[in-house]
Protein backbone atom coordinates (compact mmCIF):
# COMPACT_ATOMS: atom_id res chain seq x y z
CA UNK A 1 -0.12 0.30 -0.03
CA UNK A 2 3.02 2.20 1.18
CA UNK A 3 4.40 1.98 -2.37
CA UNK A 4 0.89 2.63 -4.01
CA UNK A 5 0.82 6.13 -1.89
CA UNK A 6 4.13 7.05 -3.26
CA UNK A 7 3.60 6.25 -6.64
CA UNK A 8 0.41 8.38 -6.34
CA UNK A 9 2.43 11.19 -4.83
CA UNK A 10 5.17 11.63 -7.48
CA UNK A 11 3.12 11.32 -10.26
CA UNK A 12 0.62 14.13 -8.82
CA UNK A 13 3.96 15.94 -7.98
CA UNK A 14 5.14 15.41 -11.49
CA UNK A 15 2.03 16.42 -12.74
CA UNK A 16 1.69 19.50 -10.63
CA UNK A 17 5.16 20.75 -11.74
CA UNK A 18 3.95 20.34 -15.22
CA UNK A 19 1.15 22.62 -14.36
CA UNK A 20 3.78 25.07 -13.14
CA UNK A 21 5.74 25.23 -15.50
CA UNK A 22 3.24 25.74 -18.26
CA UNK A 23 2.07 28.99 -15.96
CA UNK A 24 5.40 30.63 -15.71
CA UNK A 25 5.79 29.93 -19.59
CA UNK A 26 2.32 31.77 -20.66
CA UNK A 27 2.55 34.59 -18.61
CA UNK A 28 2.24 37.56 -20.97
CA UNK A 29 2.78 41.52 -20.06
CA UNK A 30 -0.06 43.80 -18.61
CA UNK A 31 -1.48 45.91 -16.64
CA UNK A 32 -2.04 46.32 -12.98
CA UNK A 33 -5.42 45.45 -12.24
CA UNK A 34 -7.69 45.51 -9.22
CA UNK A 35 -6.36 42.19 -7.51
CA UNK A 36 -3.74 44.57 -6.12
CA UNK A 37 -6.19 46.51 -4.48
CA UNK A 38 -8.37 44.23 -3.41
CA UNK A 39 -5.96 41.52 -2.06
CA UNK A 40 -4.20 44.31 0.03
CA UNK A 41 -7.08 45.86 1.71
CA UNK A 42 -8.39 42.34 2.35
CA UNK A 43 -5.38 41.62 4.25
CA UNK A 44 -5.21 44.74 6.28
CA UNK A 45 -9.05 43.60 6.97
CA UNK A 46 -8.21 40.39 8.24
CA UNK A 47 -5.01 42.00 10.41
CA UNK A 48 -7.06 44.21 12.04
CA UNK A 49 -9.88 41.94 12.87
CA UNK A 50 -7.75 39.38 13.98
CA UNK A 51 -10.04 36.78 12.34
CA UNK A 52 -8.98 33.26 12.72
CA UNK A 53 -12.20 31.37 10.89
CA UNK A 54 -12.51 32.92 7.38
CA UNK A 55 -15.25 32.36 4.41
CA UNK A 56 -14.22 32.67 0.95
CA UNK A 57 -17.31 33.23 -1.43
CA UNK A 58 -16.67 32.97 -4.67
CA UNK A 59 -13.26 31.35 -4.90
CA UNK A 60 -12.90 30.08 -8.66
CA UNK A 61 -9.20 29.45 -9.76
CA UNK A 62 -7.84 31.71 -7.25
CA UNK A 63 -4.93 31.30 -4.67
CA UNK A 64 -6.16 33.66 -2.23
CA UNK A 65 -7.75 31.13 0.55
CA UNK A 66 -4.41 29.27 0.10
CA UNK A 67 -3.02 32.82 1.35
CA UNK A 68 -5.57 33.11 3.92
CA UNK A 69 -4.72 29.85 5.24
CA UNK A 70 -0.51 31.02 5.16
CA UNK A 71 -1.36 33.64 7.02
CA UNK A 72 -3.21 31.70 9.71
CA UNK A 73 -6.29 31.93 8.94
CA UNK A 74 -8.47 28.58 9.23
CA UNK A 75 -10.37 28.91 5.77
CA UNK A 76 -13.22 27.46 4.22
CA UNK A 77 -13.84 28.45 0.65
CA UNK A 78 -16.59 28.01 -1.68
CA UNK A 79 -17.87 28.37 -5.65
CA UNK A 80 -21.39 27.30 -7.14
CA UNK A 81 -18.85 25.66 -9.51
CA UNK A 82 -21.22 25.57 -12.48
CA UNK A 83 -23.17 28.46 -12.16
CA UNK A 84 -19.99 31.09 -13.88
CA UNK A 85 -17.81 28.98 -15.02
CA UNK A 86 -17.94 26.36 -18.08
CA UNK A 87 -17.90 22.52 -16.88
CA UNK A 88 -16.29 21.65 -13.21
CA UNK A 89 -12.81 23.74 -12.22
CA UNK A 90 -10.41 22.84 -10.53
CA UNK A 91 -9.21 24.99 -8.04
CA UNK A 92 -5.03 23.31 -7.69
CA UNK A 93 -4.09 25.96 -4.53
CA UNK A 94 -6.77 24.73 -1.99
CA UNK A 95 -10.30 22.39 -1.94
CA UNK A 96 -13.60 24.57 -3.13
CA UNK A 97 -16.44 23.47 -1.69
CA UNK A 98 -19.32 23.20 -4.56
CA UNK A 99 -22.24 25.85 -2.87
CA UNK A 100 -24.60 28.39 -4.11
CA UNK A 101 -24.30 31.35 -1.31
CA UNK A 102 -28.14 32.38 -2.21
CA UNK A 103 -28.77 28.79 -0.48
CA UNK A 104 -25.76 27.87 1.01
CA UNK A 105 -25.86 24.69 2.92
CA UNK A 106 -23.27 25.55 5.66
CA UNK A 107 -23.77 25.15 9.14
CA UNK A 108 -20.92 27.27 10.81
CA UNK A 109 -20.19 31.08 10.85
CA UNK A 110 -16.75 32.72 10.48
CA UNK A 111 -14.88 35.36 12.48
CA UNK A 112 -14.83 37.15 8.81
CA UNK A 113 -16.25 36.63 4.65
CA UNK A 114 -14.78 37.75 1.73
CA UNK A 115 -16.03 37.99 -1.36
CA UNK A 116 -13.79 39.35 -3.91
CA UNK A 117 -14.99 40.57 -7.77
CA UNK A 118 -17.89 37.93 -6.98
CA UNK A 119 -20.99 39.50 -6.03
CA UNK A 120 -21.51 41.19 -9.62
CA UNK A 121 -22.00 38.18 -11.13
CA UNK A 122 -25.01 36.71 -9.08
CA UNK A 123 -28.73 38.27 -10.69
CA UNK A 124 -29.86 37.95 -7.15
CA UNK A 125 -27.39 40.21 -5.45
CA UNK A 126 -30.00 40.55 -2.22
CA UNK A 127 -30.02 36.41 -1.76
CA UNK A 128 -26.42 36.70 -1.95
CA UNK A 129 -25.67 39.32 0.41
CA UNK A 130 -28.49 37.53 2.64
CA UNK A 131 -26.60 34.47 2.40
CA UNK A 132 -23.09 36.73 3.40
CA UNK A 133 -24.98 37.79 6.48
CA UNK A 134 -25.87 34.60 7.48
CA UNK A 135 -22.42 32.88 7.36
CA UNK A 136 -20.96 35.77 9.59
CA UNK A 137 -20.82 35.00 13.64
CA UNK A 138 -22.71 38.15 15.63
CA UNK A 139 -19.81 41.62 15.35
CA UNK A 140 -18.07 39.67 12.23
CA UNK A 141 -17.16 41.14 9.14
CA UNK A 142 -17.86 41.28 5.36
CA UNK A 143 -15.21 42.06 3.17
CA UNK A 144 -16.61 43.01 -0.29
CA UNK A 145 -15.28 44.30 -3.43
CA UNK A 146 -17.37 45.57 -6.38
CA UNK A 147 -17.60 47.33 -9.37
CA UNK A 148 -19.07 50.88 -8.22
CA UNK A 149 -20.60 53.95 -9.06
CA UNK A 150 -22.09 56.26 -5.95
CA UNK A 151 -25.25 57.11 -7.81
CA UNK A 152 -25.99 54.76 -10.64
CA UNK A 153 -27.12 50.90 -10.91
CA UNK A 154 -25.99 49.44 -13.55
CA UNK A 155 -27.31 45.62 -14.15
CA UNK A 156 -25.11 45.02 -16.37
CA UNK A 157 -22.08 45.86 -18.50
CA UNK A 158 -19.76 43.69 -21.13
CA UNK A 159 -17.71 41.46 -19.83
CA UNK A 160 -15.85 38.98 -21.66
CA UNK A 161 -13.87 37.45 -18.71
CA UNK A 162 -12.81 33.66 -19.08
CA UNK A 163 -16.32 31.87 -18.35
CA UNK A 164 -17.31 31.48 -22.03
CA UNK A 165 -21.18 32.31 -20.85
CA UNK A 166 -23.44 35.05 -21.10
CA UNK A 167 -22.57 36.11 -17.47
CA UNK A 168 -23.89 39.43 -15.66
CA UNK A 169 -21.58 42.22 -14.76
CA UNK A 170 -23.48 44.56 -12.58
CA UNK A 171 -21.87 47.97 -11.19
CA UNK A 172 -24.12 48.61 -7.52
CA UNK A 173 -24.41 52.18 -6.06
CA UNK A 174 -25.25 53.71 -2.80
CA UNK A 175 -28.71 52.63 -3.13
CA UNK A 176 -27.86 48.73 -3.40
CA UNK A 177 -25.38 48.88 -0.22
CA UNK A 178 -28.08 51.42 1.79
CA UNK A 179 -30.48 48.40 1.28
CA UNK A 180 -27.94 45.46 1.91
CA UNK A 181 -26.95 47.24 5.55
CA UNK A 182 -30.60 47.55 6.06
CA UNK A 183 -31.87 44.11 5.06
CA UNK A 184 -29.22 42.12 7.20
CA UNK A 185 -28.29 44.57 9.75
CA UNK A 186 -24.81 45.48 8.93
CA UNK A 187 -22.81 48.89 9.12
CA UNK A 188 -20.05 50.36 7.55
CA UNK A 189 -16.20 50.59 8.68
CA UNK A 190 -14.27 51.67 6.09
CA UNK A 191 -14.92 51.71 2.35
CA UNK A 192 -12.49 53.41 -0.04
CA UNK A 193 -13.07 53.87 -3.69
CA UNK A 194 -10.84 53.45 -7.02
CA UNK A 195 -10.72 54.72 -10.39
CA UNK A 196 -9.66 52.36 -12.58
CA UNK A 197 -10.56 53.27 -16.81
CA UNK A 198 -11.00 56.04 -18.80
CA UNK A 199 -14.19 55.43 -19.35
CA UNK A 200 -17.35 56.61 -17.47
CA UNK A 201 -18.03 53.46 -15.85
CA UNK A 202 -16.48 49.77 -14.80
CA UNK A 203 -14.31 48.01 -18.08
CA UNK A 204 -15.47 51.12 -20.53
CA UNK A 205 -12.25 52.38 -21.63
CA UNK A 206 -8.86 51.75 -21.53
CA UNK A 207 -7.68 50.59 -17.71
CA UNK A 208 -5.42 52.74 -16.19
CA UNK A 209 -2.38 51.22 -14.12
CA UNK A 210 -1.91 51.57 -11.51
CA UNK A 211 -5.41 51.80 -10.14
CA UNK A 212 -6.21 55.86 -8.60
CA UNK A 213 -7.87 55.83 -5.02
CA UNK A 214 -9.65 58.76 -4.86
CA UNK A 215 -12.86 60.02 -2.91
CA UNK A 216 -16.10 59.41 -3.27
CA UNK A 217 -16.66 62.23 -4.66
CA UNK A 218 -14.29 62.16 -7.85
CA UNK A 219 -14.44 59.64 -10.80
CA UNK A 220 -14.58 56.10 -9.69
CA UNK A 221 -15.42 52.46 -10.87
CA UNK A 222 -14.95 49.96 -7.93
CA UNK A 223 -14.70 49.78 -4.22
CA UNK A 224 -13.39 48.20 -1.05
CA UNK A 225 -15.97 47.92 1.54
CA UNK A 226 -15.36 46.07 5.24
CA UNK A 227 -19.09 45.76 6.59
CA UNK A 228 -19.89 44.77 10.19
CA UNK A 229 -22.72 43.38 11.41
CA UNK A 230 -24.80 44.07 14.46
């Protein structure tokens, strides 16, 4: 039995190394995107709240759950898998539980929940936010990063992300944020705004690299929010 285990381990190691090598060779020159500001903001939230248990919602292929675990958190990661992505997905960085946040089957609650660039792709965002709050401990924290315009909600902006499906990409406004807070008894602890494109809305025009932090009154396309559950 030990021989088979060693052989299987060696095989998976070789396959993993080959995957990493191909990813390394396939890198292309790119402009800085929102992930740089999203991850740095979320990590500061983990540090400031001393969160021990963390749930990441909409992990996809990301290494974000593995990074959280490396920081010392006990991490659970979920994704609905077949809603956004074509076919089944495999995250080589971390174990992802198949679960729909609008009707989650998880029974435990967490100190902190991260939902990074995910909520905008869920048509029923109200049910999704309700699900996010239901998985928070009392006085726990929700870290949301979403396309944003202070005064204008947009149901869908053109989104050509790697799904291959006709997915929506919403731009939220203050009205939606306030409704989330009111319906789920939350309060904003911190909110930051970023200009990322030279057009008026998220994904419109050319990308600005690096993204620029602005005030709420400046032109912005994206927001980072830390919310506390009452």
